[in-house]
Amino acid sequence: MREIDVAVIGAGPSGLFAAYYAGFRGLSVTVIDALPEPGGQVTAMYPEKLIHDIAGIPAIKGRDLVANLVTQAAPFDPEYRLGVRAEKLSHVDGRVVLGLSNGEQLDCGAVIITGGLGSFSPRPLPAAESFSGTGIVYFVPRLADLAGQDVLIVGGGDSAFDWAAALQPLARSVTLVHRREKFRAHAASVARVQELPVRIVVNAEVTRLHGETEVTGADIVVRGEEPETIPVDCVVAALGFTADLGPIAEWGIDLQRRNILVDSSMATNLPRVFAAGDITEYPGKVRLIATGFGEAATAVNNAAVVIDPSAHLFPGHSSDGT
């Protein structure tokens, strides 16, 4: 059994910042994530999307934000357990023991859960169920892969409109189909796409995909009208995703729906177990990456005092020594 100061469950932005901040406080850290690379949902779902709500950074791609966070933590040598799940949690001699899916056990001074929405999977596109070929994606890891293609985006949320805006300059054509007339996306995102040469079809569904080994076309049916077949090289199904807390839900942590209830110190109801980021819930909670960074620092500072009662809650500013 390995002994560490802090285990961070979740390698998204909040978890990576927690790893940096714990290292800044002189704590040893292991970061655990079921995904095979750091970044969480940012890496898996919108690595090419521009993020605008990071203080001091007008805009940054998701992939670049993750790379910067990993670089920021690197001087403190956090260990990463990627492609590994935290499955069991128990308390032994006043400390926390984590059992991992790879058989490893960690003896932790504290645990900080930054698992976003837990493990997640995209909602399927019904028309794709009977199609055995390729060309259907739920995320776009590299925009350049769709350059020069006829792209069909299905959905009406922020992701759908973000992909439409990002792909329009590269693709041969972009068509966005939504089953309703009203969109879930932010009004500014909708307005931006409406000004671009993107075809937006509302009150419509994609009923069939054409092609054998690859998508070549799709049938779009507007309510009350005959089907229209359009050429398609790639379908981006931006229909949202379902989340699952997995083993965390069985640990005895107080939950509200799928979110972990925390107090102002980011502590859960379990001793030495904290949480930060989108997975948390408390009165007035706002789910932003920027909020998660502050919660991660709060969790680390309070965990540091639990690990060593002689430590100060506030260690000073990172710039104090310069």
Protein backbone atom coordinates (compact mmCIF):
# COMPACT_ATOMS: atom_id res chain seq x y z
CA MET A 1 0.00 0.00 0.00
CA ARG A 2 1.45 3.34 -1.07
CA GLU A 3 1.20 6.30 1.29
CA ILE A 4 0.49 9.75 -0.16
CA ASP A 5 -0.80 13.05 1.15
CA VAL A 6 -3.61 13.74 -1.34
CA ALA A 7 -5.43 11.65 -3.93
CA VAL A 8 -7.27 13.70 -6.54
CA ILE A 9 -10.06 11.75 -8.26
CA GLY A 10 -10.63 13.34 -11.66
CA ALA A 11 -8.08 14.84 -14.04
CA GLY A 12 -10.25 17.61 -15.46
CA PRO A 13 -9.32 21.29 -15.04
CA SER A 14 -10.32 21.41 -11.36
CA GLY A 15 -8.39 18.23 -10.60
CA LEU A 16 -5.27 19.39 -12.43
CA PHE A 17 -5.33 22.72 -10.61
CA ALA A 18 -5.80 20.85 -7.31
CA ALA A 19 -2.70 18.81 -8.18
CA TYR A 20 -0.72 22.01 -8.76
CA TYR A 21 -1.97 23.69 -5.62
CA ALA A 22 -1.35 20.63 -3.44
CA GLY A 23 2.19 20.52 -4.79
CA PHE A 24 2.57 24.23 -4.06
CA ARG A 25 1.64 23.40 -0.47
CA GLY A 26 4.30 20.70 -0.32
CA LEU A 27 1.90 17.77 -0.44
CA SER A 28 2.49 14.60 -2.44
CA VAL A 29 -0.28 13.98 -4.98
CA THR A 30 -1.68 11.16 -7.09
CA VAL A 31 -4.26 12.04 -9.77
CA ILE A 32 -6.69 9.29 -10.81
CA ASP A 33 -8.93 9.30 -13.86
CA ALA A 34 -10.82 6.63 -15.80
CA LEU A 35 -10.01 8.38 -19.09
CA PRO A 36 -6.67 7.53 -20.75
CA GLU A 37 -5.37 11.11 -20.79
CA PRO A 38 -5.74 14.18 -18.58
CA GLY A 39 -8.36 16.84 -19.22
CA GLY A 40 -11.61 15.11 -18.38
CA GLN A 41 -14.61 16.29 -20.37
CA VAL A 42 -12.59 19.12 -21.92
CA THR A 43 -10.21 16.68 -23.61
CA ALA A 44 -12.90 14.13 -24.49
CA MET A 45 -15.63 16.46 -25.71
CA TYR A 46 -14.34 19.85 -26.82
CA PRO A 47 -10.55 19.98 -27.09
CA GLU A 48 -10.77 22.42 -30.01
CA LYS A 49 -13.46 24.62 -28.50
CA LEU A 50 -12.47 28.09 -27.39
CA ILE A 51 -13.06 28.68 -23.68
CA HIS A 52 -13.76 32.30 -22.74
CA ASP A 53 -14.37 32.28 -18.97
CA ILE A 54 -10.82 31.79 -17.65
CA ALA A 55 -9.72 34.93 -15.80
CA GLY A 56 -6.92 36.77 -17.56
CA ILE A 57 -7.14 34.63 -20.72
CA PRO A 58 -9.50 36.13 -23.33
CA ALA A 59 -9.81 32.80 -25.16
CA ILE A 60 -8.02 29.45 -25.10
CA LYS A 61 -8.66 26.10 -26.75
CA GLY A 62 -9.63 23.32 -24.39
CA ARG A 63 -6.62 21.22 -25.37
CA ASP A 64 -4.25 24.15 -24.69
CA LEU A 65 -5.83 24.86 -21.30
CA VAL A 66 -5.28 21.24 -20.27
CA ALA A 67 -1.67 21.29 -21.51
CA ASN A 68 -1.01 24.48 -19.52
CA LEU A 69 -2.51 22.99 -16.35
CA VAL A 70 -0.38 19.84 -16.69
CA THR A 71 2.70 22.02 -17.22
CA GLN A 72 1.81 24.17 -14.20
CA ALA A 73 1.65 21.11 -11.93
CA ALA A 74 4.70 19.36 -13.42
CA PRO A 75 7.38 20.98 -11.15
CA PHE A 76 5.73 19.27 -8.16
CA ASP A 77 5.86 15.79 -9.78
CA PRO A 78 2.27 14.62 -9.31
CA GLU A 79 1.74 10.95 -10.14
CA TYR A 80 -0.97 10.06 -12.63
CA ARG A 81 -3.08 6.93 -12.69
CA LEU A 82 -4.91 7.26 -16.02
CA GLY A 83 -7.30 4.69 -17.43
CA VAL A 84 -7.89 3.67 -13.81
CA ARG A 85 -10.99 4.04 -11.64
CA ALA A 86 -11.20 4.71 -7.92
CA GLU A 87 -13.49 1.87 -6.87
CA LYS A 88 -13.42 1.52 -3.08
CA LEU A 89 -13.04 3.99 -0.22
CA SER A 90 -12.59 3.12 3.45
CA HIS A 91 -11.11 4.66 6.59
CA VAL A 92 -8.26 2.91 8.42
CA ASP A 93 -6.49 4.40 11.45
CA GLY A 94 -7.96 7.81 10.75
CA ARG A 95 -6.74 7.94 7.13
CA VAL A 96 -8.46 7.18 3.83
CA VAL A 97 -7.70 4.04 1.83
CA LEU A 98 -8.56 4.06 -1.87
CA GLY A 99 -8.81 0.85 -3.85
CA LEU A 100 -8.14 1.33 -7.56
CA SER A 101 -9.33 -0.76 -10.49
CA ASN A 102 -5.73 -1.77 -11.27
CA GLY A 103 -5.47 -3.45 -7.86
CA GLU A 104 -3.40 -0.70 -6.28
CA GLN A 105 -4.28 0.65 -2.84
CA LEU A 106 -3.46 4.18 -1.73
CA ASP A 107 -3.15 5.24 1.91
CA CYS A 108 -4.22 8.90 1.71
CA GLY A 109 -4.09 11.79 4.12
CA ALA A 110 -7.05 13.24 2.24
CA VAL A 111 -9.06 12.69 -0.94
CA ILE A 112 -10.37 15.45 -3.22
CA ILE A 113 -13.06 14.37 -5.68
CA THR A 114 -13.05 16.53 -8.83
CA GLY A 115 -14.84 14.12 -11.11
CA GLY A 116 -16.95 16.66 -13.01
CA LEU A 117 -20.21 14.87 -13.75
CA GLY A 118 -18.69 11.45 -13.17
CA SER A 119 -18.12 9.05 -16.04
CA PHE A 120 -20.17 10.04 -19.06
CA SER A 121 -21.39 8.66 -22.35
CA PRO A 122 -22.99 10.48 -25.29
CA ARG A 123 -26.68 10.17 -26.01
CA PRO A 124 -27.02 8.12 -29.19
CA LEU A 125 -28.47 9.36 -32.47
CA PRO A 126 -31.52 7.16 -33.20
CA ALA A 127 -30.90 7.21 -36.96
CA ALA A 128 -27.43 5.76 -36.37
CA GLU A 129 -28.73 2.61 -34.70
CA SER A 130 -29.41 0.91 -38.03
CA PHE A 131 -26.27 2.25 -39.72
CA SER A 132 -23.15 0.10 -39.48
CA GLY A 133 -20.73 2.38 -41.31
CA THR A 134 -18.39 5.06 -40.05
CA GLY A 135 -18.66 8.83 -40.08
CA ILE A 136 -20.71 9.39 -36.91
CA VAL A 137 -18.92 11.19 -34.09
CA TYR A 138 -20.06 12.59 -30.76
CA PHE A 139 -16.99 14.77 -30.17
CA VAL A 140 -14.56 16.41 -32.58
CA PRO A 141 -11.03 15.87 -31.24
CA ARG A 142 -9.42 17.64 -34.23
CA LEU A 143 -11.25 20.20 -36.33
CA ALA A 144 -8.80 19.71 -39.18
CA ASP A 145 -10.04 16.14 -39.65
CA LEU A 146 -13.33 17.52 -41.02
CA ALA A 147 -11.79 20.10 -43.36
CA GLY A 148 -13.42 20.11 -46.79
CA GLN A 149 -16.28 17.84 -45.71
CA ASP A 150 -20.05 18.21 -45.73
CA VAL A 151 -20.84 18.18 -42.02
CA LEU A 152 -24.24 17.55 -40.43
CA ILE A 153 -24.60 18.62 -36.79
CA VAL A 154 -27.58 17.31 -34.82
CA GLY A 155 -28.58 19.15 -31.65
CA GLY A 156 -29.62 22.51 -30.26
CA GLY A 157 -27.36 23.05 -27.28
CA ASP A 158 -24.12 24.93 -26.74
CA SER A 159 -21.96 22.12 -28.11
CA ALA A 160 -23.91 21.98 -31.37
CA PHE A 161 -23.54 25.70 -31.98
CA ASP A 162 -19.91 25.75 -30.85
CA TRP A 163 -19.07 23.01 -33.36
CA ALA A 164 -21.00 24.83 -36.08
CA ALA A 165 -19.08 28.06 -35.51
CA ALA A 166 -15.72 26.28 -35.30
CA LEU A 167 -16.25 24.04 -38.35
CA GLN A 168 -17.82 26.55 -40.72
CA PRO A 169 -14.51 28.09 -41.87
CA LEU A 170 -13.03 24.63 -42.54
CA ALA A 171 -15.87 22.46 -43.84
CA ARG A 172 -17.32 22.51 -47.35
CA SER A 173 -20.76 22.90 -45.81
CA VAL A 174 -22.32 22.83 -42.34
CA THR A 175 -25.96 21.97 -41.68
CA LEU A 176 -27.41 22.08 -38.17
CA VAL A 177 -30.63 20.18 -37.45
CA HIS A 178 -32.69 20.57 -34.29
CA ARG A 179 -35.98 18.94 -33.45
CA ARG A 180 -37.43 22.10 -31.90
CA GLU A 181 -37.71 25.74 -32.91
CA LYS A 182 -36.13 26.99 -29.68
CA PHE A 183 -32.52 26.24 -28.81
CA ARG A 184 -30.89 25.39 -25.48
CA ALA A 185 -27.69 27.14 -26.51
CA HIS A 186 -26.66 30.55 -25.21
CA ALA A 187 -28.37 33.32 -27.21
CA ALA A 188 -25.03 34.86 -28.20
CA SER A 189 -23.83 31.52 -29.62
CA VAL A 190 -27.03 31.14 -31.63
CA ALA A 191 -26.77 34.69 -32.98
CA ARG A 192 -23.14 34.17 -34.00
CA VAL A 193 -23.96 31.03 -36.01
CA GLN A 194 -27.03 32.63 -37.59
CA GLU A 195 -24.71 35.23 -39.10
CA LEU A 196 -22.53 32.54 -40.71
CA PRO A 197 -23.22 30.57 -43.89
CA VAL A 198 -24.55 27.67 -41.82
CA ARG A 199 -27.87 26.11 -42.76
CA ILE A 200 -30.08 25.77 -39.67
CA VAL A 201 -33.09 23.45 -39.95
CA VAL A 202 -35.58 23.48 -37.07
CA ASN A 203 -38.58 21.31 -36.17
CA ALA A 204 -36.74 18.53 -37.96
CA GLU A 205 -35.16 15.14 -37.38
CA VAL A 206 -32.54 13.03 -39.10
CA THR A 207 -34.43 9.84 -39.95
CA ARG A 208 -31.92 7.88 -42.03
CA LEU A 209 -28.24 7.77 -42.89
CA HIS A 210 -27.00 6.68 -46.32
CA GLY A 211 -23.82 4.85 -47.26
CA GLU A 212 -22.23 1.45 -46.86
CA THR A 213 -18.83 1.67 -45.18
CA GLU A 214 -19.03 5.45 -44.66
CA VAL A 215 -21.76 8.06 -44.37
CA THR A 216 -22.58 9.62 -47.73
CA GLY A 217 -25.89 11.31 -47.00
CA ALA A 218 -28.76 11.80 -44.59
CA ASP A 219 -32.53 12.16 -44.74
CA ILE A 220 -33.88 15.22 -42.93
CA VAL A 221 -37.60 15.44 -42.24
CA VAL A 222 -39.10 18.78 -41.30
CA ARG A 223 -42.37 18.31 -39.44
CA GLY A 224 -45.21 17.95 -41.93
CA GLU A 225 -42.94 17.86 -45.00
CA GLU A 226 -41.40 15.23 -47.26
CA PRO A 227 -37.89 13.92 -46.49
CA GLU A 228 -34.92 15.76 -47.97
CA THR A 229 -31.67 13.93 -48.67
CA ILE A 230 -28.47 15.96 -48.30
CA PRO A 231 -24.84 14.95 -48.93
CA VAL A 232 -22.99 14.23 -45.69
CA ASP A 233 -19.43 13.09 -45.00
CA CYS A 234 -19.64 13.31 -41.21
CA VAL A 235 -22.43 13.50 -38.66
CA VAL A 236 -21.68 15.25 -35.37
CA ALA A 237 -24.31 14.06 -32.88
CA ALA A 238 -24.25 16.82 -30.25
CA LEU A 239 -27.17 15.46 -28.25
CA GLY A 240 -25.65 15.78 -24.81
CA PHE A 241 -24.55 12.94 -22.58
CA THR A 242 -25.61 10.89 -19.61
CA ALA A 243 -23.49 10.88 -16.48
CA ASP A 244 -22.82 8.18 -13.93
CA LEU A 245 -21.01 8.60 -10.61
CA GLY A 246 -20.03 4.95 -10.71
CA PRO A 247 -18.51 3.52 -7.49
CA ILE A 248 -18.47 6.98 -5.84
CA ALA A 249 -22.23 6.71 -5.38
CA GLU A 250 -21.70 3.69 -3.11
CA TRP A 251 -19.22 5.32 -0.72
CA GLY A 252 -21.78 6.86 1.63
CA ILE A 253 -21.22 10.44 0.50
CA ASP A 254 -24.22 12.75 0.85
CA LEU A 255 -25.57 13.42 -2.62
CA GLN A 256 -28.16 15.67 -4.20
CA ARG A 257 -29.09 13.91 -7.40
CA ARG A 258 -25.65 13.18 -8.92
CA ASN A 259 -23.84 15.99 -7.11
CA ILE A 260 -21.77 15.81 -3.92
CA LEU A 261 -22.92 18.05 -1.09
CA VAL A 262 -20.10 20.10 0.45
CA ASP A 263 -19.77 22.85 3.03
CA SER A 264 -17.84 26.12 2.69
CA SER A 265 -14.52 24.29 3.19
CA MET A 266 -15.44 21.92 0.33
CA ALA A 267 -15.64 19.07 2.84
CA THR A 268 -18.11 16.22 2.35
CA ASN A 269 -19.83 14.34 5.16
CA LEU A 270 -17.01 11.78 5.15
CA PRO A 271 -13.84 12.47 7.16
CA ARG A 272 -10.87 13.67 5.07
CA VAL A 273 -12.92 13.57 1.86
CA PHE A 274 -13.36 16.85 -0.04
CA ALA A 275 -14.77 17.73 -3.45
CA ALA A 276 -14.44 20.55 -5.97
CA GLY A 277 -15.66 21.50 -9.42
CA ASP A 278 -18.83 20.61 -11.30
CA ILE A 279 -19.47 17.53 -9.16
CA THR A 280 -20.20 19.64 -6.06
CA GLU A 281 -23.46 21.15 -4.83
CA TYR A 282 -24.12 23.92 -2.29
CA PRO A 283 -26.43 26.95 -2.13
CA GLY A 284 -25.61 29.40 -4.92
CA LYS A 285 -23.42 26.93 -6.83
CA VAL A 286 -22.30 28.17 -10.29
CA ARG A 287 -20.77 25.58 -12.61
CA LEU A 288 -17.87 27.29 -14.34
CA ILE A 289 -14.28 26.17 -14.81
CA ALA A 290 -13.22 29.39 -13.08
CA THR A 291 -15.35 28.48 -10.05
CA GLY A 292 -13.80 25.03 -9.94
CA PHE A 293 -10.31 26.49 -9.70
CA GLY A 294 -11.24 28.43 -6.57
CA GLU A 295 -12.99 25.43 -5.05
CA ALA A 296 -9.91 23.27 -5.72
CA ALA A 297 -7.66 25.72 -3.85
CA THR A 298 -10.14 25.86 -0.96
CA ALA A 299 -10.31 22.06 -0.78
CA VAL A 300 -6.50 21.70 -0.82
CA ASN A 301 -5.96 24.33 1.88
CA ASN A 302 -8.51 22.72 4.18
CA ALA A 303 -7.18 19.24 3.45
CA ALA A 304 -3.67 20.44 4.34
CA VAL A 305 -4.85 21.39 7.83
CA VAL A 306 -6.60 18.04 8.28
CA ILE A 307 -3.43 16.21 7.25
CA ASP A 308 -1.21 18.39 9.48
CA PRO A 309 -3.12 20.32 12.19
CA SER A 310 -0.08 22.57 12.71
CA ALA A 311 -0.27 23.81 9.09
CA HIS A 312 -1.80 27.18 8.29
CA LEU A 313 -5.07 27.27 6.43
CA PHE A 314 -3.74 30.09 4.23
CA PRO A 315 -0.15 29.45 3.14
CA GLY A 316 0.42 32.87 1.59
CA HIS A 317 0.33 33.88 -2.04
CA SER A 318 2.31 32.00 -4.67
CA SER A 319 4.00 35.32 -5.52
CA ASP A 320 5.21 36.00 -1.98
CA GLY A 321 8.62 34.49 -2.59
CA THR A 322 9.36 36.43 -5.77
